[in-house]
Amino acid sequence: MKTYKAVVFDMDGVIFDSEKLVVECWKVIADKYEIPNIEVACRECLGLNRTATREKMLKRYGADFPYDEYKQEMSDLFHSRYDGGRLPMKPGVVELLTNLQEQGILIALASSTRREVVLAELRDAGILGFFNEVVCGDMVERSKPAPDIFLKACELLQVEPESAFAIEDSYNGIRSAHSGGLRPIMVPDMAEPTEEMRELAEVILGSLTDVWNYLESRD
């Protein structure tokens, strides 16, 4: 019998190879408007929802920084490049989702991105049907690293947090899953594992294929 009942996925940087692409689009805007250190700023915002990201950007660049205008321009550029199923998925995504579904494991998404975007991207990629529940950044009050989004996912799945794995790539995501009592698996993308991550994560793995091999050994 499996020692877990559910797996809760982050989206950007875990399912989609999107975080690097967002940074590339931000760099285009930064070059245009001479915004310094945008890559560092983007890294600070990994895993945060829209409100928390805005707060962090304004703290870094000043209250008069026209963040909303620049963010909209970046978003328009990103969607013009990658909408319609052009957003690349991480290797092993479909295989992992398929294997979990065939084993009767519940699957949820816990993404800081707003729901409208999340549903469109999952639908365009043809994988929306794998998810029993989808929880997004605009559905909870507090952003990662608070545990709200993972706790909401477990509540909707009707499973105890300790019986759910969380697959994350960001520091804030691992902090969120850990503080919620889930079993965090870190699959690094842009953020290299730190000593803190090694302490908070149950395991750090190199790919989603490695994740399936690890979960298979949890009997």
N, C-alpha and C. Protein backbone atom coordinates (compact mmCIF):
# COMPACT_ATOMS: atom_id res chain seq x y z
N MET A 1 0.84 -1.20 0.00
CA MET A 1 0.00 0.00 0.00
C MET A 1 0.88 1.25 0.00
N LYS A 2 0.46 2.25 -0.79
CA LYS A 2 1.25 3.47 -0.87
C LYS A 2 1.28 4.21 0.47
N THR A 3 2.38 4.87 0.73
CA THR A 3 2.51 5.66 1.96
C THR A 3 2.03 7.09 1.75
N TYR A 4 1.47 7.39 0.58
CA TYR A 4 0.96 8.73 0.30
C TYR A 4 -0.30 8.61 -0.54
N LYS A 5 -1.13 9.65 -0.50
CA LYS A 5 -2.40 9.63 -1.21
C LYS A 5 -2.47 10.67 -2.32
N ALA A 6 -1.59 11.68 -2.25
CA ALA A 6 -1.71 12.78 -3.21
C ALA A 6 -0.34 13.38 -3.52
N VAL A 7 -0.26 14.01 -4.68
CA VAL A 7 0.92 14.78 -5.06
C VAL A 7 0.43 16.15 -5.53
N VAL A 8 1.00 17.19 -4.95
CA VAL A 8 0.62 18.57 -5.28
C VAL A 8 1.80 19.22 -6.01
N PHE A 9 1.55 19.68 -7.21
CA PHE A 9 2.59 20.25 -8.06
C PHE A 9 2.56 21.78 -8.04
N ASP A 10 3.71 22.39 -7.99
CA ASP A 10 3.85 23.77 -8.43
C ASP A 10 3.79 23.73 -9.96
N MET A 11 3.62 24.90 -10.61
CA MET A 11 3.53 24.90 -12.06
C MET A 11 4.79 25.46 -12.74
N ASP A 12 5.08 26.74 -12.51
CA ASP A 12 6.19 27.39 -13.22
C ASP A 12 7.52 26.89 -12.67
N GLY A 13 8.32 26.33 -13.56
CA GLY A 13 9.61 25.78 -13.15
C GLY A 13 9.56 24.32 -12.76
N VAL A 14 8.34 23.77 -12.61
CA VAL A 14 8.17 22.35 -12.29
C VAL A 14 7.50 21.62 -13.45
N ILE A 15 6.32 22.11 -13.85
CA ILE A 15 5.62 21.52 -14.99
C ILE A 15 6.06 22.17 -16.29
N PHE A 16 6.11 23.49 -16.28
CA PHE A 16 6.54 24.23 -17.47
C PHE A 16 7.94 24.81 -17.25
N ASP A 17 8.72 24.80 -18.30
CA ASP A 17 10.06 25.39 -18.25
C ASP A 17 9.93 26.88 -18.54
N SER A 18 9.20 27.56 -17.66
CA SER A 18 8.73 28.92 -17.92
C SER A 18 9.48 30.01 -17.18
N GLU A 19 10.10 29.68 -16.07
CA GLU A 19 10.70 30.74 -15.27
C GLU A 19 11.84 31.44 -16.02
N LYS A 20 12.65 30.66 -16.70
CA LYS A 20 13.74 31.26 -17.49
C LYS A 20 13.18 32.14 -18.60
N LEU A 21 12.04 31.72 -19.17
CA LEU A 21 11.43 32.48 -20.26
C LEU A 21 10.85 33.79 -19.76
N VAL A 22 10.29 33.78 -18.55
CA VAL A 22 9.79 35.01 -17.94
C VAL A 22 10.95 35.99 -17.71
N VAL A 23 12.06 35.47 -17.22
CA VAL A 23 13.23 36.33 -17.00
C VAL A 23 13.73 36.91 -18.32
N GLU A 24 13.73 36.09 -19.37
CA GLU A 24 14.15 36.59 -20.69
C GLU A 24 13.26 37.75 -21.14
N CYS A 25 11.96 37.62 -20.93
CA CYS A 25 11.04 38.69 -21.31
C CYS A 25 11.25 39.93 -20.44
N TRP A 26 11.49 39.72 -19.15
CA TRP A 26 11.78 40.86 -18.27
C TRP A 26 13.06 41.57 -18.70
N LYS A 27 14.03 40.80 -19.19
CA LYS A 27 15.29 41.42 -19.63
C LYS A 27 15.08 42.31 -20.85
N VAL A 28 14.14 41.92 -21.72
CA VAL A 28 13.80 42.77 -22.86
C VAL A 28 13.24 44.11 -22.36
N ILE A 29 12.34 44.04 -21.39
CA ILE A 29 11.75 45.26 -20.83
C ILE A 29 12.81 46.07 -20.08
N ALA A 30 13.67 45.36 -19.35
CA ALA A 30 14.72 46.05 -18.58
C ALA A 30 15.69 46.78 -19.50
N ASP A 31 16.03 46.17 -20.62
CA ASP A 31 16.91 46.84 -21.59
C ASP A 31 16.24 48.08 -22.17
N LYS A 32 14.97 47.96 -22.42
CA LYS A 32 14.22 49.07 -23.02
C LYS A 32 14.14 50.27 -22.07
N TYR A 33 13.91 50.00 -20.78
CA TYR A 33 13.69 51.08 -19.81
C TYR A 33 14.87 51.28 -18.85
N GLU A 34 15.98 50.59 -19.12
CA GLU A 34 17.19 50.72 -18.32
C GLU A 34 16.92 50.42 -16.84
N ILE A 35 16.32 49.25 -16.61
CA ILE A 35 16.04 48.78 -15.24
C ILE A 35 17.22 47.92 -14.81
N PRO A 36 17.93 48.28 -13.74
CA PRO A 36 19.12 47.51 -13.33
C PRO A 36 18.76 46.23 -12.58
N ASN A 37 19.63 45.24 -12.72
CA ASN A 37 19.58 44.01 -11.91
C ASN A 37 18.24 43.29 -11.96
N ILE A 38 17.61 43.25 -13.13
CA ILE A 38 16.28 42.65 -13.21
C ILE A 38 16.33 41.14 -12.96
N GLU A 39 17.42 40.49 -13.34
CA GLU A 39 17.50 39.04 -13.12
C GLU A 39 17.54 38.71 -11.64
N VAL A 40 18.26 39.52 -10.87
CA VAL A 40 18.30 39.34 -9.41
C VAL A 40 16.91 39.56 -8.83
N ALA A 41 16.24 40.59 -9.30
CA ALA A 41 14.89 40.90 -8.82
C ALA A 41 13.94 39.75 -9.11
N CYS A 42 14.04 39.19 -10.31
CA CYS A 42 13.17 38.07 -10.68
C CYS A 42 13.41 36.86 -9.78
N ARG A 43 14.65 36.60 -9.47
CA ARG A 43 14.97 35.46 -8.60
C ARG A 43 14.37 35.64 -7.21
N GLU A 44 14.36 36.87 -6.73
CA GLU A 44 13.79 37.16 -5.41
C GLU A 44 12.29 36.88 -5.38
N CYS A 45 11.66 36.92 -6.55
CA CYS A 45 10.20 36.79 -6.64
C CYS A 45 9.75 35.38 -6.98
N LEU A 46 10.67 34.45 -7.13
CA LEU A 46 10.29 33.07 -7.48
C LEU A 46 9.32 32.50 -6.46
N GLY A 47 8.21 31.98 -6.94
CA GLY A 47 7.23 31.35 -6.06
C GLY A 47 6.21 32.28 -5.46
N LEU A 48 6.37 33.59 -5.65
CA LEU A 48 5.45 34.55 -5.04
C LEU A 48 4.26 34.81 -5.96
N ASN A 49 3.13 35.20 -5.34
CA ASN A 49 1.98 35.56 -6.16
C ASN A 49 2.11 36.99 -6.67
N ARG A 50 1.10 37.43 -7.41
CA ARG A 50 1.18 38.73 -8.07
C ARG A 50 1.33 39.88 -7.07
N THR A 51 0.57 39.83 -5.98
CA THR A 51 0.61 40.91 -4.98
C THR A 51 1.97 40.97 -4.30
N ALA A 52 2.47 39.81 -3.87
CA ALA A 52 3.76 39.77 -3.18
C ALA A 52 4.90 40.16 -4.11
N THR A 53 4.81 39.77 -5.38
CA THR A 53 5.83 40.14 -6.36
C THR A 53 5.85 41.65 -6.55
N ARG A 54 4.69 42.25 -6.67
CA ARG A 54 4.60 43.71 -6.82
C ARG A 54 5.23 44.43 -5.64
N GLU A 55 4.91 43.97 -4.44
CA GLU A 55 5.47 44.58 -3.23
C GLU A 55 6.99 44.49 -3.22
N LYS A 56 7.51 43.34 -3.61
CA LYS A 56 8.96 43.15 -3.60
C LYS A 56 9.64 44.03 -4.66
N MET A 57 9.03 44.15 -5.82
CA MET A 57 9.59 44.99 -6.88
C MET A 57 9.59 46.47 -6.48
N LEU A 58 8.51 46.92 -5.86
CA LEU A 58 8.44 48.32 -5.43
C LEU A 58 9.42 48.60 -4.29
N LYS A 59 9.63 47.61 -3.44
CA LYS A 59 10.61 47.76 -2.37
C LYS A 59 12.01 47.91 -2.95
N ARG A 60 12.29 47.14 -4.01
CA ARG A 60 13.62 47.16 -4.63
C ARG A 60 13.83 48.45 -5.44
N TYR A 61 12.83 48.84 -6.23
CA TYR A 61 13.03 49.92 -7.20
C TYR A 61 12.40 51.25 -6.80
N GLY A 62 11.65 51.27 -5.69
CA GLY A 62 11.07 52.52 -5.22
C GLY A 62 9.58 52.60 -5.49
N ALA A 63 8.88 53.38 -4.66
CA ALA A 63 7.42 53.48 -4.72
C ALA A 63 6.93 54.07 -6.04
N ASP A 64 7.78 54.85 -6.71
CA ASP A 64 7.36 55.47 -7.97
C ASP A 64 7.70 54.62 -9.19
N PHE A 65 8.23 53.43 -8.97
CA PHE A 65 8.56 52.53 -10.07
C PHE A 65 7.28 52.09 -10.77
N PRO A 66 7.14 52.29 -12.08
CA PRO A 66 5.88 51.96 -12.77
C PRO A 66 5.75 50.46 -13.03
N TYR A 67 5.71 49.70 -11.96
CA TYR A 67 5.73 48.24 -12.05
C TYR A 67 4.57 47.69 -12.88
N ASP A 68 3.37 48.18 -12.62
CA ASP A 68 2.20 47.63 -13.31
C ASP A 68 2.31 47.78 -14.82
N GLU A 69 2.81 48.92 -15.26
CA GLU A 69 2.99 49.18 -16.69
C GLU A 69 4.03 48.23 -17.28
N TYR A 70 5.17 48.09 -16.59
CA TYR A 70 6.23 47.23 -17.09
C TYR A 70 5.82 45.76 -17.05
N LYS A 71 5.12 45.37 -15.98
CA LYS A 71 4.66 43.98 -15.86
C LYS A 71 3.70 43.63 -16.98
N GLN A 72 2.80 44.55 -17.31
CA GLN A 72 1.85 44.29 -18.39
C GLN A 72 2.57 44.13 -19.73
N GLU A 73 3.57 44.95 -19.95
CA GLU A 73 4.34 44.88 -21.19
C GLU A 73 5.11 43.55 -21.27
N MET A 74 5.69 43.16 -20.14
CA MET A 74 6.39 41.87 -20.08
C MET A 74 5.42 40.72 -20.32
N SER A 75 4.25 40.79 -19.68
CA SER A 75 3.26 39.74 -19.81
C SER A 75 2.76 39.62 -21.25
N ASP A 76 2.52 40.75 -21.89
CA ASP A 76 2.08 40.73 -23.29
C ASP A 76 3.13 40.07 -24.18
N LEU A 77 4.40 40.38 -23.92
CA LEU A 77 5.49 39.78 -24.69
C LEU A 77 5.54 38.27 -24.47
N PHE A 78 5.45 37.87 -23.20
CA PHE A 78 5.50 36.44 -22.85
C PHE A 78 4.36 35.68 -23.55
N HIS A 79 3.15 36.19 -23.45
CA HIS A 79 2.00 35.48 -24.02
C HIS A 79 2.05 35.47 -25.55
N SER A 80 2.60 36.53 -26.13
CA SER A 80 2.72 36.54 -27.60
C SER A 80 3.70 35.47 -28.07
N ARG A 81 4.67 35.16 -27.23
CA ARG A 81 5.67 34.15 -27.60
C ARG A 81 5.21 32.72 -27.30
N TYR A 82 4.45 32.52 -26.21
CA TYR A 82 4.29 31.16 -25.70
C TYR A 82 2.85 30.68 -25.54
N ASP A 83 1.86 31.51 -25.82
CA ASP A 83 0.48 31.04 -25.73
C ASP A 83 0.19 30.01 -26.83
N GLY A 84 -0.93 29.32 -26.66
CA GLY A 84 -1.36 28.39 -27.70
C GLY A 84 -0.60 27.08 -27.71
N GLY A 85 -0.12 26.66 -26.53
CA GLY A 85 0.58 25.39 -26.45
C GLY A 85 2.06 25.45 -26.77
N ARG A 86 2.60 26.66 -26.90
CA ARG A 86 4.03 26.80 -27.23
C ARG A 86 4.93 26.85 -26.00
N LEU A 87 4.33 26.85 -24.81
CA LEU A 87 5.12 26.89 -23.59
C LEU A 87 5.73 25.51 -23.35
N PRO A 88 7.06 25.40 -23.31
CA PRO A 88 7.68 24.08 -23.20
C PRO A 88 7.47 23.44 -21.82
N MET A 89 7.16 22.15 -21.84
CA MET A 89 7.02 21.42 -20.58
C MET A 89 8.35 20.81 -20.18
N LYS A 90 8.51 20.60 -18.90
CA LYS A 90 9.69 19.92 -18.39
C LYS A 90 9.67 18.45 -18.81
N PRO A 91 10.83 17.87 -19.06
CA PRO A 91 10.87 16.45 -19.42
C PRO A 91 10.25 15.57 -18.34
N GLY A 92 9.46 14.61 -18.77
CA GLY A 92 8.88 13.64 -17.84
C GLY A 92 7.56 14.03 -17.23
N VAL A 93 7.02 15.22 -17.57
CA VAL A 93 5.77 15.68 -16.95
C VAL A 93 4.61 14.72 -17.24
N VAL A 94 4.37 14.46 -18.52
CA VAL A 94 3.21 13.65 -18.89
C VAL A 94 3.35 12.23 -18.35
N GLU A 95 4.53 11.69 -18.39
CA GLU A 95 4.77 10.34 -17.87
C GLU A 95 4.48 10.28 -16.36
N LEU A 96 4.95 11.27 -15.63
CA LEU A 96 4.72 11.30 -14.18
C LEU A 96 3.23 11.43 -13.87
N LEU A 97 2.55 12.37 -14.53
CA LEU A 97 1.12 12.55 -14.31
C LEU A 97 0.34 11.29 -14.67
N THR A 98 0.71 10.67 -15.77
CA THR A 98 0.03 9.45 -16.20
C THR A 98 0.23 8.33 -15.19
N ASN A 99 1.45 8.14 -14.73
CA ASN A 99 1.74 7.08 -13.76
C ASN A 99 0.98 7.29 -12.46
N LEU A 100 0.94 8.53 -11.98
CA LEU A 100 0.22 8.83 -10.74
C LEU A 100 -1.27 8.55 -10.90
N GLN A 101 -1.82 9.00 -12.01
CA GLN A 101 -3.24 8.79 -12.26
C GLN A 101 -3.57 7.30 -12.34
N GLU A 102 -2.72 6.54 -13.02
CA GLU A 102 -2.96 5.09 -13.14
C GLU A 102 -2.86 4.37 -11.80
N GLN A 103 -2.07 4.94 -10.88
CA GLN A 103 -1.92 4.34 -9.54
C GLN A 103 -3.03 4.80 -8.58
N GLY A 104 -3.92 5.68 -9.07
CA GLY A 104 -5.01 6.17 -8.22
C GLY A 104 -4.59 7.23 -7.23
N ILE A 105 -3.46 7.86 -7.48
CA ILE A 105 -2.97 8.94 -6.61
C ILE A 105 -3.67 10.24 -7.02
N LEU A 106 -4.17 10.98 -6.05
CA LEU A 106 -4.80 12.28 -6.32
C LEU A 106 -3.75 13.29 -6.74
N ILE A 107 -4.10 14.18 -7.66
CA ILE A 107 -3.15 15.15 -8.20
C ILE A 107 -3.75 16.55 -8.10
N ALA A 108 -2.99 17.48 -7.56
CA ALA A 108 -3.44 18.87 -7.49
C ALA A 108 -2.34 19.79 -7.97
N LEU A 109 -2.73 21.01 -8.30
CA LEU A 109 -1.78 22.06 -8.66
C LEU A 109 -1.89 23.15 -7.61
N ALA A 110 -0.75 23.69 -7.18
CA ALA A 110 -0.72 24.81 -6.25
C ALA A 110 0.24 25.86 -6.82
N SER A 111 -0.30 26.74 -7.65
CA SER A 111 0.52 27.72 -8.36
C SER A 111 0.21 29.13 -7.89
N SER A 112 1.25 29.93 -7.70
CA SER A 112 1.07 31.32 -7.31
C SER A 112 0.52 32.19 -8.44
N THR A 113 0.55 31.67 -9.66
CA THR A 113 0.02 32.38 -10.81
C THR A 113 -1.51 32.45 -10.71
N ARG A 114 -2.11 33.49 -11.28
CA ARG A 114 -3.57 33.63 -11.18
C ARG A 114 -4.28 32.56 -12.01
N ARG A 115 -5.49 32.24 -11.58
CA ARG A 115 -6.22 31.07 -12.08
C ARG A 115 -6.47 31.12 -13.58
N GLU A 116 -6.84 32.28 -14.09
CA GLU A 116 -7.14 32.40 -15.52
C GLU A 116 -5.96 31.95 -16.38
N VAL A 117 -4.76 32.36 -15.99
CA VAL A 117 -3.55 32.01 -16.74
C VAL A 117 -3.23 30.53 -16.56
N VAL A 118 -3.33 30.05 -15.33
CA VAL A 118 -3.01 28.65 -15.04
C VAL A 118 -3.88 27.70 -15.87
N LEU A 119 -5.18 27.92 -15.85
CA LEU A 119 -6.09 27.04 -16.57
C LEU A 119 -5.82 27.07 -18.07
N ALA A 120 -5.54 28.25 -18.60
CA ALA A 120 -5.26 28.37 -20.03
C ALA A 120 -4.00 27.61 -20.41
N GLU A 121 -2.95 27.75 -19.60
CA GLU A 121 -1.68 27.09 -19.91
C GLU A 121 -1.79 25.57 -19.79
N LEU A 122 -2.48 25.09 -18.76
CA LEU A 122 -2.67 23.64 -18.60
C LEU A 122 -3.54 23.08 -19.73
N ARG A 123 -4.56 23.83 -20.10
CA ARG A 123 -5.45 23.40 -21.18
C ARG A 123 -4.71 23.37 -22.52
N ASP A 124 -3.95 24.42 -22.80
CA ASP A 124 -3.21 24.48 -24.06
C ASP A 124 -2.20 23.34 -24.17
N ALA A 125 -1.64 22.93 -23.02
CA ALA A 125 -0.65 21.85 -23.01
C ALA A 125 -1.30 20.46 -23.04
N GLY A 126 -2.63 20.43 -22.89
CA GLY A 126 -3.34 19.16 -22.94
C GLY A 126 -3.23 18.33 -21.67
N ILE A 127 -2.94 18.98 -20.53
CA ILE A 127 -2.75 18.21 -19.30
C ILE A 127 -3.72 18.61 -18.18
N LEU A 128 -4.64 19.52 -18.45
CA LEU A 128 -5.57 19.98 -17.41
C LEU A 128 -6.35 18.81 -16.80
N GLY A 129 -6.71 17.83 -17.64
CA GLY A 129 -7.52 16.72 -17.17
C GLY A 129 -6.86 15.82 -16.14
N PHE A 130 -5.56 15.94 -15.98
CA PHE A 130 -4.87 15.12 -14.98
C PHE A 130 -5.14 15.61 -13.55
N PHE A 131 -5.53 16.87 -13.39
CA PHE A 131 -5.57 17.48 -12.06
C PHE A 131 -6.96 17.38 -11.45
N ASN A 132 -7.01 16.78 -10.26
CA ASN A 132 -8.26 16.71 -9.51
C ASN A 132 -8.65 18.07 -8.95
N GLU A 133 -7.68 18.88 -8.59
CA GLU A 133 -7.93 20.23 -8.08
C GLU A 133 -6.83 21.17 -8.57
N VAL A 134 -7.21 22.43 -8.79
CA VAL A 134 -6.26 23.46 -9.19
C VAL A 134 -6.44 24.66 -8.26
N VAL A 135 -5.41 24.97 -7.50
CA VAL A 135 -5.46 26.10 -6.56
C VAL A 135 -4.43 27.13 -7.02
N CYS A 136 -4.87 28.40 -7.10
CA CYS A 136 -4.01 29.43 -7.68
C CYS A 136 -3.81 30.60 -6.72
N GLY A 137 -2.88 31.45 -7.09
CA GLY A 137 -2.48 32.53 -6.20
C GLY A 137 -3.57 33.50 -5.83
N ASP A 138 -4.57 33.64 -6.71
CA ASP A 138 -5.67 34.56 -6.42
C ASP A 138 -6.82 33.88 -5.68
N MET A 139 -6.59 32.66 -5.21
CA MET A 139 -7.62 31.91 -4.47
C MET A 139 -7.31 31.81 -2.98
N VAL A 140 -6.14 32.31 -2.58
CA VAL A 140 -5.76 32.28 -1.16
C VAL A 140 -5.28 33.67 -0.75
N GLU A 141 -5.37 33.93 0.53
CA GLU A 141 -5.04 35.28 1.03
C GLU A 141 -3.54 35.52 1.07
N ARG A 142 -2.79 34.52 1.54
CA ARG A 142 -1.35 34.72 1.73
C ARG A 142 -0.55 33.94 0.69
N SER A 143 0.47 34.58 0.15
CA SER A 143 1.35 33.96 -0.85
C SER A 143 2.32 32.99 -0.19
N LYS A 144 2.86 32.07 -0.99
CA LYS A 144 4.04 31.34 -0.54
C LYS A 144 5.06 32.40 -0.11
N PRO A 145 5.81 32.21 0.96
CA PRO A 145 6.09 30.97 1.69
C PRO A 145 5.08 30.58 2.77
N ALA A 146 3.99 31.35 2.94
CA ALA A 146 2.92 30.89 3.82
C ALA A 146 2.34 29.59 3.26
N PRO A 147 1.80 28.73 4.11
CA PRO A 147 1.36 27.40 3.66
C PRO A 147 -0.03 27.37 3.05
N ASP A 148 -0.71 28.51 2.95
CA ASP A 148 -2.14 28.54 2.60
C ASP A 148 -2.48 27.76 1.35
N ILE A 149 -1.70 27.93 0.29
CA ILE A 149 -2.06 27.35 -1.00
C ILE A 149 -1.97 25.82 -0.98
N PHE A 150 -0.98 25.29 -0.26
CA PHE A 150 -0.86 23.83 -0.15
C PHE A 150 -1.93 23.26 0.77
N LEU A 151 -2.24 23.98 1.85
CA LEU A 151 -3.29 23.53 2.75
C LEU A 151 -4.65 23.53 2.05
N LYS A 152 -4.88 24.54 1.20
CA LYS A 152 -6.13 24.60 0.44
C LYS A 152 -6.22 23.42 -0.52
N ALA A 153 -5.10 23.09 -1.17
CA ALA A 153 -5.09 21.95 -2.09
C ALA A 153 -5.42 20.65 -1.36
N CYS A 154 -4.84 20.45 -0.19
CA CYS A 154 -5.11 19.24 0.59
C CYS A 154 -6.56 19.20 1.07
N GLU A 155 -7.06 20.37 1.45
CA GLU A 155 -8.46 20.46 1.88
C GLU A 155 -9.40 20.05 0.75
N LEU A 156 -9.16 20.55 -0.45
CA LEU A 156 -10.01 20.22 -1.59
C LEU A 156 -9.89 18.75 -1.99
N LEU A 157 -8.68 18.21 -1.86
CA LEU A 157 -8.46 16.78 -2.17
C LEU A 157 -8.99 15.88 -1.06
N GLN A 158 -9.26 16.47 0.10
CA GLN A 158 -9.71 15.74 1.29
C GLN A 158 -8.66 14.73 1.75
N VAL A 159 -7.41 15.20 1.82
CA VAL A 159 -6.32 14.39 2.35
C VAL A 159 -5.59 15.18 3.43
N GLU A 160 -4.98 14.47 4.35
CA GLU A 160 -4.15 15.13 5.36
C GLU A 160 -2.84 15.58 4.70
N PRO A 161 -2.32 16.76 5.08
CA PRO A 161 -1.07 17.25 4.47
C PRO A 161 0.08 16.25 4.54
N GLU A 162 0.18 15.52 5.64
CA GLU A 162 1.30 14.59 5.80
C GLU A 162 1.22 13.39 4.85
N SER A 163 0.06 13.20 4.21
CA SER A 163 -0.07 12.11 3.24
C SER A 163 0.07 12.61 1.80
N ALA A 164 0.59 13.86 1.65
CA ALA A 164 0.75 14.44 0.32
C ALA A 164 2.20 14.88 0.10
N PHE A 165 2.73 14.56 -1.06
CA PHE A 165 4.00 15.12 -1.50
C PHE A 165 3.74 16.46 -2.20
N ALA A 166 4.69 17.36 -2.09
CA ALA A 166 4.65 18.63 -2.83
C ALA A 166 5.90 18.72 -3.69
N ILE A 167 5.73 18.98 -4.97
CA ILE A 167 6.88 19.08 -5.87
C ILE A 167 7.10 20.54 -6.21
N GLU A 168 8.26 21.05 -5.84
CA GLU A 168 8.56 22.48 -5.94
C GLU A 168 9.97 22.71 -6.47
N ASP A 169 10.18 23.89 -7.04
CA ASP A 169 11.52 24.27 -7.49
C ASP A 169 12.07 25.48 -6.76
N SER A 170 11.20 26.28 -6.13
CA SER A 170 11.65 27.54 -5.52
C SER A 170 11.80 27.41 -4.02
N TYR A 171 12.60 28.30 -3.46
CA TYR A 171 12.78 28.34 -2.01
C TYR A 171 11.45 28.61 -1.31
N ASN A 172 10.71 29.60 -1.82
CA ASN A 172 9.43 29.95 -1.18
C ASN A 172 8.44 28.81 -1.27
N GLY A 173 8.48 28.05 -2.35
CA GLY A 173 7.60 26.91 -2.49
C GLY A 173 7.92 25.80 -1.51
N ILE A 174 9.20 25.50 -1.35
CA ILE A 174 9.61 24.48 -0.38
C ILE A 174 9.27 24.92 1.03
N ARG A 175 9.50 26.19 1.34
CA ARG A 175 9.14 26.72 2.67
C ARG A 175 7.64 26.58 2.91
N SER A 176 6.85 26.89 1.89
CA SER A 176 5.39 26.82 1.99
C SER A 176 4.93 25.39 2.25
N ALA A 177 5.42 24.45 1.45
CA ALA A 177 5.01 23.06 1.60
C ALA A 177 5.44 22.49 2.96
N HIS A 178 6.65 22.81 3.36
CA HIS A 178 7.17 22.31 4.64
C HIS A 178 6.35 22.84 5.81
N SER A 179 6.06 24.14 5.79
CA SER A 179 5.33 24.72 6.91
C SER A 179 3.88 24.23 6.94
N GLY A 180 3.38 23.76 5.79
CA GLY A 180 2.04 23.20 5.76
C GLY A 180 1.97 21.75 6.18
N GLY A 181 3.13 21.13 6.38
CA GLY A 181 3.16 19.75 6.83
C GLY A 181 3.17 18.72 5.72
N LEU A 182 3.32 19.18 4.46
CA LEU A 182 3.44 18.23 3.35
C LEU A 182 4.86 17.69 3.29
N ARG A 183 5.10 16.77 2.38
CA ARG A 183 6.42 16.19 2.20
C ARG A 183 7.06 16.81 0.96
N PRO A 184 7.92 17.81 1.12
CA PRO A 184 8.42 18.55 -0.04
C PRO A 184 9.51 17.79 -0.79
N ILE A 185 9.37 17.77 -2.11
CA ILE A 185 10.41 17.30 -3.01
C ILE A 185 10.88 18.50 -3.82
N MET A 186 12.16 18.80 -3.77
CA MET A 186 12.68 19.91 -4.56
C MET A 186 13.29 19.37 -5.85
N VAL A 187 12.82 19.93 -6.96
CA VAL A 187 13.43 19.66 -8.27
C VAL A 187 13.93 21.01 -8.77
N PRO A 188 15.21 21.32 -8.52
CA PRO A 188 15.70 22.68 -8.78
C PRO A 188 15.59 23.11 -10.24
N ASP A 189 15.28 24.38 -10.42
CA ASP A 189 15.23 24.98 -11.75
C ASP A 189 16.22 26.15 -11.76
N MET A 190 15.77 27.35 -11.44
CA MET A 190 16.65 28.51 -11.42
C MET A 190 17.38 28.66 -10.08
N ALA A 191 16.80 28.12 -9.03
CA ALA A 191 17.36 28.29 -7.69
C ALA A 191 18.13 27.03 -7.27
N GLU A 192 19.40 27.17 -7.05
CA GLU A 192 20.21 26.03 -6.60
C GLU A 192 19.89 25.69 -5.15
N PRO A 193 19.92 24.42 -4.77
CA PRO A 193 19.63 24.04 -3.40
C PRO A 193 20.61 24.66 -2.41
N THR A 194 20.08 25.14 -1.31
CA THR A 194 20.89 25.68 -0.22
C THR A 194 20.83 24.72 0.96
N GLU A 195 21.58 25.02 1.98
CA GLU A 195 21.54 24.19 3.19
C GLU A 195 20.14 24.20 3.80
N GLU A 196 19.48 25.36 3.75
CA GLU A 196 18.10 25.44 4.25
C GLU A 196 17.19 24.50 3.47
N MET A 197 17.35 24.46 2.15
CA MET A 197 16.50 23.60 1.33
C MET A 197 16.76 22.13 1.63
N ARG A 198 18.01 21.79 1.88
CA ARG A 198 18.33 20.40 2.20
C ARG A 198 17.70 19.98 3.52
N GLU A 199 17.54 20.95 4.41
CA GLU A 199 16.90 20.66 5.70
C GLU A 199 15.38 20.56 5.57
N LEU A 200 14.78 21.42 4.74
CA LEU A 200 13.32 21.47 4.65
C LEU A 200 12.74 20.43 3.71
N ALA A 201 13.46 20.10 2.65
CA ALA A 201 12.95 19.13 1.67
C ALA A 201 13.18 17.70 2.15
N GLU A 202 12.24 16.82 1.84
CA GLU A 202 12.46 15.41 2.13
C GLU A 202 13.59 14.86 1.26
N VAL A 203 13.62 15.34 0.01
CA VAL A 203 14.65 14.90 -0.91
C VAL A 203 14.79 15.96 -2.01
N ILE A 204 15.98 16.06 -2.59
CA ILE A 204 16.24 16.93 -3.73
C ILE A 204 16.60 16.04 -4.91
N LEU A 205 15.83 16.18 -6.00
CA LEU A 205 16.00 15.29 -7.16
C LEU A 205 16.25 16.11 -8.42
N GLY A 206 16.85 15.47 -9.42
CA GLY A 206 17.28 16.19 -10.60
C GLY A 206 16.26 16.35 -11.70
N SER A 207 15.19 15.54 -11.66
CA SER A 207 14.22 15.58 -12.75
C SER A 207 12.91 14.96 -12.29
N LEU A 208 11.86 15.14 -13.10
CA LEU A 208 10.57 14.54 -12.78
C LEU A 208 10.60 13.02 -12.97
N THR A 209 11.48 12.54 -13.82
CA THR A 209 11.68 11.09 -13.93
C THR A 209 12.23 10.54 -12.63
N ASP A 210 13.16 11.25 -12.04
CA ASP A 210 13.70 10.85 -10.73
C ASP A 210 12.60 10.88 -9.66
N VAL A 211 11.68 11.84 -9.78
CA VAL A 211 10.57 11.93 -8.83
C VAL A 211 9.73 10.66 -8.88
N TRP A 212 9.39 10.19 -10.09
CA TRP A 212 8.59 8.98 -10.18
C TRP A 212 9.33 7.79 -9.59
N ASN A 213 10.60 7.66 -9.88
CA ASN A 213 11.38 6.55 -9.33
C ASN A 213 11.39 6.61 -7.80
N TYR A 214 11.47 7.82 -7.26
CA TYR A 214 11.46 7.99 -5.81
C TYR A 214 10.09 7.61 -5.23
N LEU A 215 9.02 8.11 -5.85
CA LEU A 215 7.68 7.80 -5.35
C LEU A 215 7.38 6.31 -5.44
N GLU A 216 7.86 5.67 -6.48
CA GLU A 216 7.66 4.22 -6.64
C GLU A 216 8.30 3.43 -5.51
N SER A 217 9.34 4.00 -4.92
CA SER A 217 10.04 3.29 -3.84
C SER A 217 9.41 3.57 -2.48
N ARG A 218 8.31 4.33 -2.45
CA ARG A 218 7.70 4.71 -1.16
C ARG A 218 6.69 3.67 -0.66
N ASP A 219 6.59 2.52 -1.29
CA ASP A 219 5.65 1.50 -0.83
C ASP A 219 5.96 1.03 0.58
